PDB file of N, CA and C in Angstrom:
ATOM      1  N   MET A   1     -31.734-128.237  23.697  1.00  0.00           N
ATOM      2  CA  MET A   1     -30.284-128.222  23.926  1.00  0.00           C
ATOM      3  C   MET A   1     -29.609-128.693  22.714  1.00  0.00           C
ATOM      4  N   LYS A   2     -30.099-129.602  21.928  1.00  0.00           N
ATOM      5  CA  LYS A   2     -29.473-130.027  20.739  1.00  0.00           C
ATOM      6  C   LYS A   2     -29.498-128.899  19.660  1.00  0.00           C
ATOM      7  N   LYS A   3     -30.600-128.160  19.655  1.00  0.00           N
ATOM      8  CA  LYS A   3     -30.792-127.056  18.699  1.00  0.00           C
ATOM      9  C   LYS A   3     -29.734-125.984  18.955  1.00  0.00           C
ATOM     10  N   LYS A   4     -29.493-125.744  20.217  1.00  0.00           N
ATOM     11  CA  LYS A   4     -28.448-124.717  20.550  1.00  0.00           C
ATOM     12  C   LYS A   4     -27.098-125.137  20.074  1.00  0.00           C
ATOM     13  N   LYS A   5     -26.723-126.379  20.329  1.00  0.00           N
ATOM     14  CA  LYS A   5     -25.392-126.883  19.866  1.00  0.00           C
ATOM     15  C   LYS A   5     -25.313-126.859  18.357  1.00  0.00           C
ATOM     16  N   ARG A   6     -26.395-127.222  17.705  1.00  0.00           N
ATOM     17  CA  ARG A   6     -26.411-127.194  16.223  1.00  0.00           C
ATOM     18  C   ARG A   6     -26.222-125.800  15.728  1.00  0.00           C
ATOM     19  N   GLN A   7     -26.959-124.815  16.331  1.00  0.00           N
ATOM     20  CA  GLN A   7     -26.874-123.429  15.916  1.00  0.00           C
ATOM     21  C   GLN A   7     -25.455-122.901  16.159  1.00  0.00           C
ATOM     22  N   GLN A   8     -24.865-123.244  17.304  1.00  0.00           N
ATOM     23  CA  GLN A   8     -23.504-122.828  17.548  1.00  0.00           C
ATOM     24  C   GLN A   8     -22.492-123.372  16.580  1.00  0.00           C
ATOM     25  N   GLN A   9     -22.720-124.727  16.251  1.00  0.00           N
ATOM     26  CA  GLN A   9     -21.847-125.350  15.316  1.00  0.00           C
ATOM     27  C   GLN A   9     -22.010-124.732  13.892  1.00  0.00           C
ATOM     28  N   THR A  10     -23.193-124.439  13.516  1.00  0.00           N
ATOM     29  CA  THR A  10     -23.373-123.858  12.201  1.00  0.00           C
ATOM     30  C   THR A  10     -22.809-122.412  12.161  1.00  0.00           C
ATOM     31  N   GLN A  11     -22.938-121.705  13.284  1.00  0.00           N
ATOM     32  CA  GLN A  11     -22.355-120.378  13.328  1.00  0.00           C
ATOM     33  C   GLN A  11     -20.849-120.451  13.234  1.00  0.00           C
ATOM     34  N   LYS A  12     -20.250-121.381  13.873  1.00  0.00           N
ATOM     35  CA  LYS A  12     -18.738-121.555  13.832  1.00  0.00           C
ATOM     36  C   LYS A  12     -18.293-121.909  12.414  1.00  0.00           C
ATOM     37  N   LYS A  13     -19.081-122.779  11.778  1.00  0.00           N
ATOM     38  CA  LYS A  13     -18.730-123.151  10.445  1.00  0.00           C
ATOM     39  C   LYS A  13     -18.832-121.976   9.475  1.00  0.00           C
ATOM     40  N   GLN A  14     -19.878-121.165   9.649  1.00  0.00           N
ATOM     41  CA  GLN A  14     -20.043-119.960   8.812  1.00  0.00           C
ATOM     42  C   GLN A  14     -18.905-119.048   8.966  1.00  0.00           C
ATOM     43  N   GLU A  15     -18.524-118.858  10.286  1.00  0.00           N
ATOM     44  CA  GLU A  15     -17.449-117.948  10.537  1.00  0.00           C
ATOM     45  C   GLU A  15     -16.126-118.446   9.886  1.00  0.00           C
ATOM     46  N   GLN A  16     -15.919-119.730   9.956  1.00  0.00           N
ATOM     47  CA  GLN A  16     -14.734-120.309   9.310  1.00  0.00           C
ATOM     48  C   GLN A  16     -14.812-120.298   7.804  1.00  0.00           C
ATOM     49  N   ASP A  17     -15.947-120.464   7.307  1.00  0.00           N
ATOM     50  CA  ASP A  17     -16.111-120.477   5.846  1.00  0.00           C
ATOM     51  C   ASP A  17     -16.132-119.146   5.163  1.00  0.00           C
ATOM     52  N   ALA A  18     -16.457-118.170   5.971  1.00  0.00           N
ATOM     53  CA  ALA A  18     -16.473-116.796   5.491  1.00  0.00           C
ATOM     54  C   ALA A  18     -15.142-116.325   4.918  1.00  0.00           C
ATOM     55  N   PRO A  19     -15.043-115.666   3.787  1.00  0.00           N
ATOM     56  CA  PRO A  19     -13.802-115.261   3.217  1.00  0.00           C
ATOM     57  C   PRO A  19     -13.121-114.251   4.178  1.00  0.00           C
ATOM     58  N   LEU A  20     -11.795-114.360   4.254  1.00  0.00           N
ATOM     59  CA  LEU A  20     -11.106-113.363   5.162  1.00  0.00           C
ATOM     60  C   LEU A  20     -11.013-112.014   4.421  1.00  0.00           C
ATOM     61  N   SER A  21     -11.236-111.065   5.269  1.00  0.00           N
ATOM     62  CA  SER A  21     -11.137-109.659   4.682  1.00  0.00           C
ATOM     63  C   SER A  21      -9.654-109.213   4.891  1.00  0.00           C
ATOM     64  N   LEU A  22      -9.293-108.141   4.252  1.00  0.00           N
ATOM     65  CA  LEU A  22      -7.926-107.731   4.354  1.00  0.00           C
ATOM     66  C   LEU A  22      -7.679-107.309   5.812  1.00  0.00           C
ATOM     67  N   LYS A  23      -8.616-106.715   6.437  1.00  0.00           N
ATOM     68  CA  LYS A  23      -8.464-106.292   7.841  1.00  0.00           C
ATOM     69  C   LYS A  23      -8.159-107.504   8.703  1.00  0.00           C
ATOM     70  N   ASP A  24      -8.822-108.600   8.479  1.00  0.00           N
ATOM     71  CA  ASP A  24      -8.551-109.841   9.249  1.00  0.00           C
ATOM     72  C   ASP A  24      -7.129-110.406   8.994  1.00  0.00           C
ATOM     73  N   ALA A  25      -6.713-110.273   7.749  1.00  0.00           N
ATOM     74  CA  ALA A  25      -5.471-110.910   7.356  1.00  0.00           C
ATOM     75  C   ALA A  25      -4.280-110.097   7.834  1.00  0.00           C
ATOM     76  N   LEU A  26      -4.396-108.768   7.937  1.00  0.00           N
ATOM     77  CA  LEU A  26      -3.261-107.893   8.366  1.00  0.00           C
ATOM     78  C   LEU A  26      -3.106-107.922   9.942  1.00  0.00           C
ATOM     79  N   ASP A  27      -1.908-107.699  10.325  1.00  0.00           N
ATOM     80  CA  ASP A  27      -1.611-107.561  11.725  1.00  0.00           C
ATOM     81  C   ASP A  27      -2.181-106.161  12.125  1.00  0.00           C
ATOM     82  N   SER A  28      -2.687-106.078  13.370  1.00  0.00           N
ATOM     83  CA  SER A  28      -3.253-104.859  13.836  1.00  0.00           C
ATOM     84  C   SER A  28      -2.242-103.686  13.852  1.00  0.00           C
ATOM     85  N   ASN A  29      -1.016-104.016  14.177  1.00  0.00           N
ATOM     86  CA  ASN A  29       0.046-103.002  14.155  1.00  0.00           C
ATOM     87  C   ASN A  29       0.257-102.408  12.693  1.00  0.00           C
ATOM     88  N   LEU A  30       0.256-103.292  11.781  1.00  0.00           N
ATOM     89  CA  LEU A  30       0.435-102.878  10.356  1.00  0.00           C
ATOM     90  C   LEU A  30      -0.791-102.142   9.939  1.00  0.00           C
ATOM     91  N   LEU A  31      -1.990-102.507  10.375  1.00  0.00           N
ATOM     92  CA  LEU A  31      -3.189-101.776   9.982  1.00  0.00           C
ATOM     93  C   LEU A  31      -3.153-100.393  10.619  1.00  0.00           C
ATOM     94  N   ASP A  32      -2.668-100.215  11.859  1.00  0.00           N
ATOM     95  CA  ASP A  32      -2.553 -98.850  12.416  1.00  0.00           C
ATOM     96  C   ASP A  32      -1.561 -97.998  11.632  1.00  0.00           C
ATOM     97  N   LYS A  33      -0.452 -98.561  11.185  1.00  0.00           N
ATOM     98  CA  LYS A  33       0.506 -97.874  10.425  1.00  0.00           C
ATOM     99  C   LYS A  33      -0.103 -97.402   9.125  1.00  0.00           C
ATOM    100  N   LEU A  34      -0.844 -98.246   8.433  1.00  0.00           N
ATOM    101  CA  LEU A  34      -1.497 -97.947   7.171  1.00  0.00           C
ATOM    102  C   LEU A  34      -2.478 -96.771   7.352  1.00  0.00           C
ATOM    103  N   LYS A  35      -3.294 -96.765   8.452  1.00  0.00           N
ATOM    104  CA  LYS A  35      -4.251 -95.731   8.709  1.00  0.00           C
ATOM    105  C   LYS A  35      -3.492 -94.428   8.997  1.00  0.00           C
ATOM    106  N   ALA A  36      -2.417 -94.429   9.762  1.00  0.00           N
ATOM    107  CA  ALA A  36      -1.666 -93.211   9.992  1.00  0.00           C
ATOM    108  C   ALA A  36      -1.073 -92.660   8.703  1.00  0.00           C
ATOM    109  N   LYS A  37      -0.550 -93.606   7.887  1.00  0.00           N
ATOM    110  CA  LYS A  37      -0.040 -93.093   6.564  1.00  0.00           C
ATOM    111  C   LYS A  37      -1.147 -92.476   5.702  1.00  0.00           C
ATOM    112  N   GLN A  38      -2.316 -93.024   5.745  1.00  0.00           N
ATOM    113  CA  GLN A  38      -3.483 -92.508   4.977  1.00  0.00           C
ATOM    114  C   GLN A  38      -3.793 -91.104   5.484  1.00  0.00           C
ATOM    115  N   LYS A  39      -3.807 -90.901   6.787  1.00  0.00           N
ATOM    116  CA  LYS A  39      -4.118 -89.564   7.306  1.00  0.00           C
ATOM    117  C   LYS A  39      -3.000 -88.617   6.926  1.00  0.00           C
ATOM    118  N   GLU A  40      -1.777 -88.988   6.954  1.00  0.00           N
ATOM    119  CA  GLU A  40      -0.638 -88.157   6.561  1.00  0.00           C
ATOM    120  C   GLU A  40      -0.802 -87.762   5.108  1.00  0.00           C
ATOM    121  N   LEU A  41      -1.160 -88.645   4.272  1.00  0.00           N
ATOM    122  CA  LEU A  41      -1.344 -88.399   2.887  1.00  0.00           C
ATOM    123  C   LEU A  41      -2.500 -87.438   2.608  1.00  0.00           C
ATOM    124  N   GLU A  42      -3.532 -87.563   3.354  1.00  0.00           N
ATOM    125  CA  GLU A  42      -4.634 -86.659   3.235  1.00  0.00           C
ATOM    126  C   GLU A  42      -4.291 -85.257   3.607  1.00  0.00           C
ATOM    127  N   LYS A  43      -3.452 -85.108   4.695  1.00  0.00           N
ATOM    128  CA  LYS A  43      -3.015 -83.820   5.119  1.00  0.00           C
ATOM    129  C   LYS A  43      -2.148 -83.189   4.068  1.00  0.00           C
ATOM    130  N   GLU A  44      -1.237 -83.976   3.460  1.00  0.00           N
ATOM    131  CA  GLU A  44      -0.365 -83.472   2.411  1.00  0.00           C
ATOM    132  C   GLU A  44      -1.199 -82.993   1.146  1.00  0.00           C
ATOM    133  N   GLU A  45      -2.185 -83.746   0.905  1.00  0.00           N
ATOM    134  CA  GLU A  45      -3.058 -83.343  -0.252  1.00  0.00           C
ATOM    135  C   GLU A  45      -3.760 -81.988   0.010  1.00  0.00           C
ATOM    136  N   ILE A  46      -4.223 -81.852   1.247  1.00  0.00           N
ATOM    137  CA  ILE A  46      -4.879 -80.564   1.622  1.00  0.00           C
ATOM    138  C   ILE A  46      -3.901 -79.490   1.540  1.00  0.00           C
ATOM    139  N   GLN A  47      -2.716 -79.668   1.967  1.00  0.00           N
ATOM    140  CA  GLN A  47      -1.689 -78.625   1.929  1.00  0.00           C
ATOM    141  C   GLN A  47      -1.328 -78.259   0.503  1.00  0.00           C
ATOM    142  N   GLN A  48      -1.245 -79.269  -0.363  1.00  0.00           N
ATOM    143  CA  GLN A  48      -0.981 -78.953  -1.765  1.00  0.00           C
ATOM    144  C   GLN A  48      -2.056 -78.160  -2.387  1.00  0.00           C
ATOM    145  N   LYS A  49      -3.330 -78.458  -2.056  1.00  0.00           N
ATOM    146  CA  LYS A  49      -4.396 -77.756  -2.667  1.00  0.00           C
ATOM    147  C   LYS A  49      -4.414 -76.294  -2.163  1.00  0.00           C
ATOM    148  N   GLU A  50      -4.129 -76.094  -0.909  1.00  0.00           N
ATOM    149  CA  GLU A  50      -4.022 -74.701  -0.384  1.00  0.00           C
ATOM    150  C   GLU A  50      -2.906 -73.905  -1.004  1.00  0.00           C
ATOM    151  N   ALA A  51      -1.749 -74.580  -1.139  1.00  0.00           N
ATOM    152  CA  ALA A  51      -0.649 -73.898  -1.845  1.00  0.00           C
ATOM    153  C   ALA A  51      -0.985 -73.528  -3.351  1.00  0.00           C
ATOM    154  N   GLU A  52      -1.697 -74.432  -3.992  1.00  0.00           N
ATOM    155  CA  GLU A  52      -2.149 -74.189  -5.342  1.00  0.00           C
ATOM    156  C   GLU A  52      -3.122 -72.980  -5.396  1.00  0.00           C
ATOM    157  N   GLU A  53      -4.046 -72.950  -4.494  1.00  0.00           N
ATOM    158  CA  GLU A  53      -4.907 -71.793  -4.453  1.00  0.00           C
ATOM    159  C   GLU A  53      -4.259 -70.494  -4.167  1.00  0.00           C
ATOM    160  N   GLU A  54      -3.246 -70.497  -3.259  1.00  0.00           N
ATOM    161  CA  GLU A  54      -2.458 -69.310  -2.977  1.00  0.00           C
ATOM    162  C   GLU A  54      -1.712 -68.911  -4.139  1.00  0.00           C
ATOM    163  N   ARG A  55      -1.105 -69.804  -4.897  1.00  0.00           N
ATOM    164  CA  ARG A  55      -0.341 -69.489  -6.121  1.00  0.00           C
ATOM    165  C   ARG A  55      -1.242 -68.855  -7.143  1.00  0.00           C
ATOM    166  N   LYS A  56      -2.436 -69.343  -7.297  1.00  0.00           N
ATOM    167  CA  LYS A  56      -3.371 -68.789  -8.257  1.00  0.00           C
ATOM    168  C   LYS A  56      -3.856 -67.390  -7.880  1.00  0.00           C
ATOM    169  N   ARG A  57      -4.080 -67.166  -6.560  1.00  0.00           N
ATOM    170  CA  ARG A  57      -4.392 -65.890  -6.070  1.00  0.00           C
ATOM    171  C   ARG A  57      -3.345 -64.874  -6.357  1.00  0.00           C
ATOM    172  N   GLU A  58      -2.087 -65.245  -6.107  1.00  0.00           N
ATOM    173  CA  GLU A  58      -0.934 -64.367  -6.350  1.00  0.00           C
ATOM    174  C   GLU A  58      -0.823 -64.057  -7.868  1.00  0.00           C
ATOM    175  N   GLU A  59      -1.009 -65.089  -8.664  1.00  0.00           N
ATOM    176  CA  GLU A  59      -0.989 -64.916 -10.109  1.00  0.00           C
ATOM    177  C   GLU A  59      -2.032 -63.927 -10.572  1.00  0.00           C
ATOM    178  N   ARG A  60      -3.191 -64.076 -10.086  1.00  0.00           N
ATOM    179  CA  ARG A  60      -4.283 -63.179 -10.464  1.00  0.00           C
ATOM    180  C   ARG A  60      -4.028 -61.739 -10.032  1.00  0.00           C
ATOM    181  N   LYS A  61      -3.463 -61.610  -8.823  1.00  0.00           N
ATOM    182  CA  LYS A  61      -3.083 -60.321  -8.305  1.00  0.00           C
ATOM    183  C   LYS A  61      -2.030 -59.652  -9.188  1.00  0.00           C
ATOM    184  N   GLN A  62      -1.019 -60.367  -9.562  1.00  0.00           N
ATOM    185  CA  GLN A  62      -0.041 -59.837 -10.436  1.00  0.00           C
ATOM    186  C   GLN A  62      -0.602 -59.463 -11.787  1.00  0.00           C
ATOM    187  N   ARG A  63      -1.450 -60.277 -12.350  1.00  0.00           N
ATOM    188  CA  ARG A  63      -2.042 -59.956 -13.622  1.00  0.00           C
ATOM    189  C   ARG A  63      -2.859 -58.635 -13.513  1.00  0.00           C
ATOM    190  N   GLU A  64      -3.596 -58.483 -12.460  1.00  0.00           N
ATOM    191  CA  GLU A  64      -4.415 -57.284 -12.232  1.00  0.00           C
ATOM    192  C   GLU A  64      -3.453 -56.001 -12.146  1.00  0.00           C
ATOM    193  N   LYS A  65      -2.370 -56.223 -11.485  1.00  0.00           N
ATOM    194  CA  LYS A  65      -1.422 -55.158 -11.229  1.00  0.00           C
ATOM    195  C   LYS A  65      -0.781 -54.765 -12.585  1.00  0.00           C
ATOM    196  N   ASN A  66      -0.568 -55.616 -13.451  1.00  0.00           N
ATOM    197  CA  ASN A  66       0.154 -55.359 -14.670  1.00  0.00           C
ATOM    198  C   ASN A  66      -0.743 -54.932 -15.903  1.00  0.00           C
ATOM    199  N   LYS A  67      -1.968 -54.761 -15.635  1.00  0.00           N
ATOM    200  CA  LYS A  67      -2.921 -54.475 -16.754  1.00  0.00           C
ATOM    201  C   LYS A  67      -2.673 -53.051 -17.298  1.00  0.00           C
ATOM    202  N   SER A  68      -2.892 -52.906 -18.536  1.00  0.00           N
ATOM    203  CA  SER A  68      -2.710 -51.620 -19.179  1.00  0.00           C
ATOM    204  C   SER A  68      -4.028 -50.765 -19.011  1.00  0.00           C
ATOM    205  N   PHE A  69      -3.876 -49.515 -19.325  1.00  0.00           N
ATOM    206  CA  PHE A  69      -5.057 -48.619 -19.185  1.00  0.00           C
ATOM    207  C   PHE A  69      -6.192 -49.076 -20.119  1.00  0.00           C
ATOM    208  N   GLU A  70      -5.812 -49.524 -21.287  1.00  0.00           N
ATOM    209  CA  GLU A  70      -6.832 -50.039 -22.259  1.00  0.00           C
ATOM    210  C   GLU A  70      -7.591 -51.221 -21.677  1.00  0.00           C
ATOM    211  N   GLU A  71      -6.913 -52.117 -21.061  1.00  0.00           N
ATOM    212  CA  GLU A  71      -7.542 -53.289 -20.573  1.00  0.00           C
ATOM    213  C   GLU A  71      -8.499 -52.959 -19.359  1.00  0.00           C
ATOM    214  N   LEU A  72      -7.996 -52.069 -18.520  1.00  0.00           N
ATOM    215  CA  LEU A  72      -8.855 -51.587 -17.417  1.00  0.00           C
ATOM    216  C   LEU A  72     -10.076 -50.848 -17.889  1.00  0.00           C
ATOM    217  N   LEU A  73      -9.995 -50.075 -19.013  1.00  0.00           N
ATOM    218  CA  LEU A  73     -11.121 -49.356 -19.458  1.00  0.00           C
ATOM    219  C   LEU A  73     -12.081 -50.284 -20.083  1.00  0.00           C
ATOM    220  N   LYS A  74     -11.598 -51.311 -20.782  1.00  0.00           N
ATOM    221  CA  LYS A  74     -12.512 -52.306 -21.406  1.00  0.00           C
ATOM    222  C   LYS A  74     -13.362 -53.061 -20.339  1.00  0.00           C
ATOM    223  N   GLU A  75     -12.696 -53.337 -19.244  1.00  0.00           N
ATOM    224  CA  GLU A  75     -13.365 -54.097 -18.179  1.00  0.00           C
ATOM    225  C   GLU A  75     -14.293 -53.269 -17.296  1.00  0.00           C
ATOM    226  N   SER A  76     -14.085 -51.954 -17.387  1.00  0.00           N
ATOM    227  CA  SER A  76     -14.955 -51.097 -16.499  1.00  0.00           C
ATOM    228  C   SER A  76     -16.409 -51.157 -16.893  1.00  0.00           C
ATOM    229  N   PRO A  77     -17.250 -51.194 -15.910  1.00  0.00           N
ATOM    230  CA  PRO A  77     -18.691 -51.331 -16.177  1.00  0.00           C
ATOM    231  C   PRO A  77     -19.309 -49.885 -16.494  1.00  0.00           C
ATOM    232  N   MET A  78     -18.519 -48.834 -16.337  1.00  0.00           N
ATOM    233  CA  MET A  78     -19.014 -47.476 -16.553  1.00  0.00           C
ATOM    234  C   MET A  78     -19.132 -47.236 -18.076  1.00  0.00           C
ATOM    235  N   ASP A  79     -20.131 -46.472 -18.385  1.00  0.00           N
ATOM    236  CA  ASP A  79     -20.341 -46.085 -19.810  1.00  0.00           C
ATOM    237  C   ASP A  79     -20.348 -44.623 -19.902  1.00  0.00           C
ATOM    238  N   TRP A  80     -19.624 -44.056 -20.835  1.00  0.00           N
ATOM    239  CA  TRP A  80     -19.524 -42.609 -20.946  1.00  0.00           C
ATOM    240  C   TRP A  80     -20.853 -41.978 -21.300  1.00  0.00           C
ATOM    241  N   LYS A  81     -21.750 -42.772 -21.953  1.00  0.00           N
ATOM    242  CA  LYS A  81     -23.070 -42.283 -22.337  1.00  0.00           C
ATOM    243  C   LYS A  81     -23.962 -41.940 -21.116  1.00  0.00           C
ATOM    244  N   ASP A  82     -23.680 -42.524 -20.024  1.00  0.00           N
ATOM    245  CA  ASP A  82     -24.489 -42.278 -18.837  1.00  0.00           C
ATOM    246  C   ASP A  82     -24.107 -40.937 -18.212  1.00  0.00           C
ATOM    247  N   PHE A  83     -22.958 -40.422 -18.531  1.00  0.00           N
ATOM    248  CA  PHE A  83     -22.482 -39.215 -17.929  1.00  0.00           C
ATOM    249  C   PHE A  83     -22.552 -38.009 -18.874  1.00  0.00           C
ATOM    250  N   LYS A  84     -23.153 -38.133 -20.015  1.00  0.00           N
ATOM    251  CA  LYS A  84     -23.331 -37.074 -21.002  1.00  0.00           C
ATOM    252  C   LYS A  84     -24.321 -36.059 -20.534  1.00  0.00           C
TER     253      LYS A  84
END
C-alpha cells in the first residue's frame, strides 16, 4: 500500500516538474483558432502554387504561339537527309 502511494506521489511530482509545453500553456480555444489559421494558410499556399503553374503554362503556350519559322525548324526532330 505504501509503495502505491509513493508511486502516485512520485508520478504527481514528475507531472508537476515536467516543463509546460506550448499546448498546455495555451487556451484550447486559442489553440483551435491557430490550427484553423494554419489550415487556411496551407490552402492559400496551394492556391498560389496552382496559379503560378497556370501562369507558367500560359506563358509557355504564348511563347510557342509566337515562334518564328526558323525557331520551329531548329526544334524539329526531322532531318532532310532522311527524306533524300
